[in-house]
PDB file of all heavy atoms in Angstrom:
ATOM      1  N   LEU A   1      26.338 212.372   9.654  1.00  0.00           N
ATOM      2  CA  LEU A   1      27.490 212.685  10.497  1.00  0.00           C
ATOM      3  C   LEU A   1      28.012 211.439  11.204  1.00  0.00           C
ATOM      4  O   LEU A   1      29.222 211.214  11.255  1.00  0.00           O
ATOM      5  CB  LEU A   1      27.121 213.761  11.523  1.00  0.00           C
ATOM      6  CG  LEU A   1      26.781 215.131  10.929  1.00  0.00           C
ATOM      7  CD1 LEU A   1      26.327 216.079  12.018  1.00  0.00           C
ATOM      8  CD2 LEU A   1      27.951 215.703  10.158  1.00  0.00           C
ATOM      9  N   ARG A   2      27.115 210.627  11.728  1.00  0.00           N
ATOM     10  CA  ARG A   2      27.544 209.391  12.390  1.00  0.00           C
ATOM     11  C   ARG A   2      28.202 208.430  11.397  1.00  0.00           C
ATOM     12  O   ARG A   2      29.197 207.780  11.721  1.00  0.00           O
ATOM     13  CB  ARG A   2      26.363 208.728  13.094  1.00  0.00           C
ATOM     14  CG  ARG A   2      25.899 209.487  14.342  1.00  0.00           C
ATOM     15  CD  ARG A   2      24.896 208.695  15.161  1.00  0.00           C
ATOM     16  NE  ARG A   2      23.716 208.333  14.393  1.00  0.00           N
ATOM     17  CZ  ARG A   2      22.611 209.063  14.310  1.00  0.00           C
ATOM     18  NH1 ARG A   2      22.544 210.230  14.938  1.00  0.00           N
ATOM     19  NH2 ARG A   2      21.574 208.648  13.611  1.00  0.00           N
ATOM     20  N   LYS A   3      27.652 208.345  10.189  1.00  0.00           N
ATOM     21  CA  LYS A   3      28.219 207.448   9.172  1.00  0.00           C
ATOM     22  C   LYS A   3      29.667 207.795   8.836  1.00  0.00           C
ATOM     23  O   LYS A   3      30.460 206.913   8.532  1.00  0.00           O
ATOM     24  CB  LYS A   3      27.402 207.511   7.875  1.00  0.00           C
ATOM     25  CG  LYS A   3      26.167 206.688   7.871  1.00  0.00           C
ATOM     26  CD  LYS A   3      25.529 206.781   6.496  1.00  0.00           C
ATOM     27  CE  LYS A   3      24.299 205.958   6.364  1.00  0.00           C
ATOM     28  NZ  LYS A   3      23.724 206.060   5.009  1.00  0.00           N
ATOM     29  N   VAL A   4      29.992 209.082   8.851  1.00  0.00           N
ATOM     30  CA  VAL A   4      31.359 209.484   8.494  1.00  0.00           C
ATOM     31  C   VAL A   4      32.259 209.638   9.718  1.00  0.00           C
ATOM     32  O   VAL A   4      33.363 210.155   9.611  1.00  0.00           O
ATOM     33  CB  VAL A   4      31.379 210.753   7.604  1.00  0.00           C
ATOM     34  CG1 VAL A   4      30.633 210.495   6.312  1.00  0.00           C
ATOM     35  CG2 VAL A   4      30.839 211.967   8.324  1.00  0.00           C
ATOM     36  N   GLY A   5      31.773 209.168  10.870  1.00  0.00           N
ATOM     37  CA  GLY A   5      32.630 209.087  12.040  1.00  0.00           C
ATOM     38  C   GLY A   5      32.480 210.155  13.097  1.00  0.00           C
ATOM     39  O   GLY A   5      33.163 210.098  14.122  1.00  0.00           O
ATOM     40  N   LEU A   6      31.648 211.156  12.880  1.00  0.00           N
ATOM     41  CA  LEU A   6      31.474 212.171  13.906  1.00  0.00           C
ATOM     42  C   LEU A   6      30.610 211.616  15.029  1.00  0.00           C
ATOM     43  O   LEU A   6      29.729 210.794  14.796  1.00  0.00           O
ATOM     44  CB  LEU A   6      30.838 213.443  13.331  1.00  0.00           C
ATOM     45  CG  LEU A   6      31.810 214.371  12.599  1.00  0.00           C
ATOM     46  CD1 LEU A   6      32.065 213.879  11.197  1.00  0.00           C
ATOM     47  CD2 LEU A   6      31.281 215.785  12.579  1.00  0.00           C
ATOM     48  N   ARG A   7      30.877 212.070  16.245  1.00  0.00           N
ATOM     49  CA  ARG A   7      30.144 211.628  17.421  1.00  0.00           C
ATOM     50  C   ARG A   7      29.498 212.825  18.110  1.00  0.00           C
ATOM     51  O   ARG A   7      30.053 213.917  18.106  1.00  0.00           O
ATOM     52  CB  ARG A   7      31.074 210.932  18.416  1.00  0.00           C
ATOM     53  CG  ARG A   7      31.725 209.701  17.862  1.00  0.00           C
ATOM     54  CD  ARG A   7      30.716 208.566  17.735  1.00  0.00           C
ATOM     55  NE  ARG A   7      31.287 207.405  17.096  1.00  0.00           N
ATOM     56  CZ  ARG A   7      30.857 206.901  15.941  1.00  0.00           C
ATOM     57  NH1 ARG A   7      29.862 207.447  15.302  1.00  0.00           N
ATOM     58  NH2 ARG A   7      31.430 205.841  15.423  1.00  0.00           N
ATOM     59  N   HIS A   8      28.350 212.565  18.708  1.00  0.00           N
ATOM     60  CA  HIS A   8      27.634 213.612  19.436  1.00  0.00           C
ATOM     61  C   HIS A   8      28.479 214.064  20.625  1.00  0.00           C
ATOM     62  O   HIS A   8      28.962 213.243  21.396  1.00  0.00           O
ATOM     63  CB  HIS A   8      26.283 213.072  19.912  1.00  0.00           C
ATOM     64  CG  HIS A   8      25.483 214.076  20.648  1.00  0.00           C
ATOM     65  ND1 HIS A   8      25.453 214.116  22.016  1.00  0.00           N
ATOM     66  CD2 HIS A   8      24.691 215.080  20.208  1.00  0.00           C
ATOM     67  CE1 HIS A   8      24.674 215.112  22.391  1.00  0.00           C
ATOM     68  NE2 HIS A   8      24.192 215.713  21.312  1.00  0.00           N
ATOM     69  N   VAL A   9      28.676 215.375  20.731  1.00  0.00           N
ATOM     70  CA  VAL A   9      29.463 215.943  21.824  1.00  0.00           C
ATOM     71  C   VAL A   9      28.536 216.529  22.880  1.00  0.00           C
ATOM     72  O   VAL A   9      28.658 216.233  24.063  1.00  0.00           O
ATOM     73  CB  VAL A   9      30.442 217.029  21.306  1.00  0.00           C
ATOM     74  CG1 VAL A   9      31.154 217.720  22.453  1.00  0.00           C
ATOM     75  CG2 VAL A   9      31.427 216.419  20.326  1.00  0.00           C
ATOM     76  N   ARG A  10      27.629 217.382  22.437  1.00  0.00           N
ATOM     77  CA  ARG A  10      26.694 217.999  23.377  1.00  0.00           C
ATOM     78  C   ARG A  10      25.582 218.706  22.632  1.00  0.00           C
ATOM     79  O   ARG A  10      25.713 219.014  21.444  1.00  0.00           O
ATOM     80  CB  ARG A  10      27.402 218.973  24.302  1.00  0.00           C
ATOM     81  CG  ARG A  10      27.925 220.231  23.616  1.00  0.00           C
ATOM     82  CD  ARG A  10      28.632 221.128  24.637  1.00  0.00           C
ATOM     83  NE  ARG A  10      29.245 222.261  23.998  1.00  0.00           N
ATOM     84  CZ  ARG A  10      28.668 223.453  23.852  1.00  0.00           C
ATOM     85  NH1 ARG A  10      27.466 223.673  24.319  1.00  0.00           N
ATOM     86  NH2 ARG A  10      29.311 224.442  23.255  1.00  0.00           N
ATOM     87  N   ASP A  11      24.511 218.940  23.337  1.00  0.00           N
ATOM     88  CA  ASP A  11      23.420 219.753  22.824  1.00  0.00           C
ATOM     89  C   ASP A  11      23.612 221.170  23.337  1.00  0.00           C
ATOM     90  O   ASP A  11      24.221 221.385  24.386  1.00  0.00           O
ATOM     91  CB  ASP A  11      22.068 219.213  23.299  1.00  0.00           C
ATOM     92  CG  ASP A  11      21.763 217.841  22.729  1.00  0.00           C
ATOM     93  OD1 ASP A  11      22.171 217.583  21.587  1.00  0.00           O
ATOM     94  OD2 ASP A  11      21.119 217.044  23.427  1.00  0.00           O
ATOM     95  N   GLY A  12      23.117 222.122  22.599  1.00  0.00           N
ATOM     96  CA  GLY A  12      23.242 223.507  23.033  1.00  0.00           C
ATOM     97  C   GLY A  12      22.553 224.437  22.059  1.00  0.00           C
ATOM     98  O   GLY A  12      21.775 224.022  21.202  1.00  0.00           O
ATOM     99  N   ARG A  13      22.872 225.704  22.203  1.00  0.00           N
ATOM    100  CA  ARG A  13      22.312 226.721  21.325  1.00  0.00           C
ATOM    101  C   ARG A  13      23.437 227.199  20.418  1.00  0.00           C
ATOM    102  O   ARG A  13      24.436 227.746  20.883  1.00  0.00           O
ATOM    103  CB  ARG A  13      21.747 227.871  22.141  1.00  0.00           C
ATOM    104  CG  ARG A  13      20.976 228.843  21.319  1.00  0.00           C
ATOM    105  CD  ARG A  13      19.671 229.200  22.021  1.00  0.00           C
ATOM    106  NE  ARG A  13      18.921 230.145  21.219  1.00  0.00           N
ATOM    107  CZ  ARG A  13      17.934 229.777  20.425  1.00  0.00           C
ATOM    108  NH1 ARG A  13      17.567 228.526  20.353  1.00  0.00           N
ATOM    109  NH2 ARG A  13      17.288 230.668  19.707  1.00  0.00           N
ATOM    110  N   PHE A  14      23.291 226.941  19.127  1.00  0.00           N
ATOM    111  CA  PHE A  14      24.299 227.301  18.134  1.00  0.00           C
ATOM    112  C   PHE A  14      23.620 228.059  17.005  1.00  0.00           C
ATOM    113  O   PHE A  14      22.591 227.616  16.498  1.00  0.00           O
ATOM    114  CB  PHE A  14      24.975 226.045  17.562  1.00  0.00           C
ATOM    115  CG  PHE A  14      25.566 225.144  18.612  1.00  0.00           C
ATOM    116  CD1 PHE A  14      24.849 224.083  19.119  1.00  0.00           C
ATOM    117  CD2 PHE A  14      26.843 225.376  19.094  1.00  0.00           C
ATOM    118  CE1 PHE A  14      25.387 223.241  20.079  1.00  0.00           C
ATOM    119  CE2 PHE A  14      27.402 224.545  20.057  1.00  0.00           C
ATOM    120  CZ  PHE A  14      26.664 223.483  20.549  1.00  0.00           C
ATOM    121  N   TYR A  15      24.199 229.156  16.603  1.00  0.00           N
ATOM    122  CA  TYR A  15      23.657 229.944  15.492  1.00  0.00           C
ATOM    123  C   TYR A  15      22.177 230.252  15.705  1.00  0.00           C
ATOM    124  O   TYR A  15      21.354 230.115  14.806  1.00  0.00           O
ATOM    125  CB  TYR A  15      23.883 229.230  14.149  1.00  0.00           C
ATOM    126  CG  TYR A  15      25.316 228.867  13.916  1.00  0.00           C
ATOM    127  CD1 TYR A  15      25.754 227.557  14.059  1.00  0.00           C
ATOM    128  CD2 TYR A  15      26.249 229.842  13.604  1.00  0.00           C
ATOM    129  CE1 TYR A  15      27.079 227.223  13.879  1.00  0.00           C
ATOM    130  CE2 TYR A  15      27.579 229.526  13.418  1.00  0.00           C
ATOM    131  CZ  TYR A  15      27.991 228.218  13.557  1.00  0.00           C
ATOM    132  OH  TYR A  15      29.313 227.896  13.375  1.00  0.00           O
ATOM    133  N   GLU A  16      21.849 230.620  16.934  1.00  0.00           N
ATOM    134  CA  GLU A  16      20.498 231.021  17.317  1.00  0.00           C
ATOM    135  C   GLU A  16      19.468 229.907  17.167  1.00  0.00           C
ATOM    136  O   GLU A  16      18.294 230.154  16.943  1.00  0.00           O
ATOM    137  CB  GLU A  16      20.069 232.271  16.552  1.00  0.00           C
ATOM    138  CG  GLU A  16      20.998 233.448  16.798  1.00  0.00           C
ATOM    139  CD  GLU A  16      20.602 234.691  16.032  1.00  0.00           C
ATOM    140  OE1 GLU A  16      19.472 234.758  15.537  1.00  0.00           O
ATOM    141  OE2 GLU A  16      21.444 235.588  15.939  1.00  0.00           O
ATOM    142  N   ALA A  17      19.902 228.651  17.275  1.00  0.00           N
ATOM    143  CA  ALA A  17      18.981 227.510  17.193  1.00  0.00           C
ATOM    144  C   ALA A  17      19.409 226.445  18.187  1.00  0.00           C
ATOM    145  O   ALA A  17      20.602 226.261  18.445  1.00  0.00           O
ATOM    146  CB  ALA A  17      18.987 226.930  15.783  1.00  0.00           C
ATOM    147  N   ASP A  18      18.434 225.741  18.731  1.00  0.00           N
ATOM    148  CA  ASP A  18      18.747 224.587  19.562  1.00  0.00           C
ATOM    149  C   ASP A  18      19.245 223.491  18.635  1.00  0.00           C
ATOM    150  O   ASP A  18      18.581 223.146  17.653  1.00  0.00           O
ATOM    151  CB  ASP A  18      17.504 224.126  20.319  1.00  0.00           C
ATOM    152  CG  ASP A  18      17.083 225.126  21.382  1.00  0.00           C
ATOM    153  OD1 ASP A  18      17.968 225.775  21.975  1.00  0.00           O
ATOM    154  OD2 ASP A  18      15.876 225.279  21.612  1.00  0.00           O
ATOM    155  N   ALA A  19      20.423 222.967  18.915  1.00  0.00           N
ATOM    156  CA  ALA A  19      21.046 222.026  17.994  1.00  0.00           C
ATOM    157  C   ALA A  19      22.005 221.115  18.745  1.00  0.00           C
ATOM    158  O   ALA A  19      22.180 221.231  19.957  1.00  0.00           O
ATOM    159  CB  ALA A  19      21.786 222.789  16.899  1.00  0.00           C
ATOM    160  N   ALA A  20      22.616 220.205  18.002  1.00  0.00           N
ATOM    161  CA  ALA A  20      23.600 219.276  18.548  1.00  0.00           C
ATOM    162  C   ALA A  20      24.950 219.533  17.899  1.00  0.00           C
ATOM    163  O   ALA A  20      25.035 219.806  16.701  1.00  0.00           O
ATOM    164  CB  ALA A  20      23.165 217.839  18.285  1.00  0.00           C
ATOM    165  N   LEU A  21      25.977 219.421  18.696  1.00  0.00           N
ATOM    166  CA  LEU A  21      27.349 219.561  18.218  1.00  0.00           C
ATOM    167  C   LEU A  21      27.929 218.157  18.054  1.00  0.00           C
ATOM    168  O   LEU A  21      27.859 217.334  18.971  1.00  0.00           O
ATOM    169  CB  LEU A  21      28.187 220.351  19.219  1.00  0.00           C
ATOM    170  CG  LEU A  21      29.677 220.486  18.897  1.00  0.00           C
ATOM    171  CD1 LEU A  21      29.875 221.399  17.701  1.00  0.00           C
ATOM    172  CD2 LEU A  21      30.435 221.009  20.100  1.00  0.00           C
ATOM    173  N   TYR A  22      28.483 217.887  16.888  1.00  0.00           N
ATOM    174  CA  TYR A  22      29.151 216.625  16.578  1.00  0.00           C
ATOM    175  C   TYR A  22      30.609 216.940  16.288  1.00  0.00           C
ATOM    176  O   TYR A  22      30.929 218.020  15.802  1.00  0.00           O
ATOM    177  CB  TYR A  22      28.519 215.955  15.364  1.00  0.00           C
ATOM    178  CG  TYR A  22      27.226 215.237  15.658  1.00  0.00           C
ATOM    179  CD1 TYR A  22      26.061 215.935  15.918  1.00  0.00           C
ATOM    180  CD2 TYR A  22      27.183 213.850  15.689  1.00  0.00           C
ATOM    181  CE1 TYR A  22      24.878 215.265  16.191  1.00  0.00           C
ATOM    182  CE2 TYR A  22      26.005 213.183  15.965  1.00  0.00           C
ATOM    183  CZ  TYR A  22      24.860 213.897  16.211  1.00  0.00           C
ATOM    184  OH  TYR A  22      23.696 213.229  16.487  1.00  0.00           O
ATOM    185  N   ALA A  23      31.489 215.969  16.538  1.00  0.00           N
ATOM    186  CA  ALA A  23      32.925 216.203  16.285  1.00  0.00           C
ATOM    187  C   ALA A  23      33.624 214.885  16.000  1.00  0.00           C
ATOM    188  O   ALA A  23      33.164 213.813  16.387  1.00  0.00           O
ATOM    189  CB  ALA A  23      33.574 216.883  17.473  1.00  0.00           C
ATOM    190  N   ILE A  24      34.759 215.029  15.319  1.00  0.00           N
ATOM    191  CA  ILE A  24      35.671 213.909  15.103  1.00  0.00           C
ATOM    192  C   ILE A  24      37.075 214.468  15.228  1.00  0.00           C
ATOM    193  O   ILE A  24      37.387 215.558  14.737  1.00  0.00           O
ATOM    194  CB  ILE A  24      35.448 213.237  13.728  1.00  0.00           C
ATOM    195  CG1 ILE A  24      36.325 212.002  13.573  1.00  0.00           C
ATOM    196  CG2 ILE A  24      35.632 214.211  12.579  1.00  0.00           C
ATOM    197  CD1 ILE A  24      36.002 211.165  12.339  1.00  0.00           C
ATOM    198  N   ASP A  25      37.920 213.737  15.952  1.00  0.00           N
ATOM    199  CA  ASP A  25      39.319 214.127  16.120  1.00  0.00           C
ATOM    200  C   ASP A  25      40.189 213.299  15.196  1.00  0.00           C
ATOM    201  O   ASP A  25      39.869 212.147  14.897  1.00  0.00           O
ATOM    202  CB  ASP A  25      39.751 213.912  17.570  1.00  0.00           C
ATOM    203  CG  ASP A  25      39.022 214.831  18.527  1.00  0.00           C
ATOM    204  OD1 ASP A  25      38.957 216.048  18.249  1.00  0.00           O
ATOM    205  OD2 ASP A  25      38.495 214.334  19.540  1.00  0.00           O
TER     206      ASP A  25
END
C-alpha cells in the first residue's frame, strides 16, 4: 500500500478485526 502511494490514516476496528486504514486522494 505504501509503495503505491497510500498513507496510513488511522487504526481502528474494520470488518470485525483490528486493522489499519490507508488512503490516497
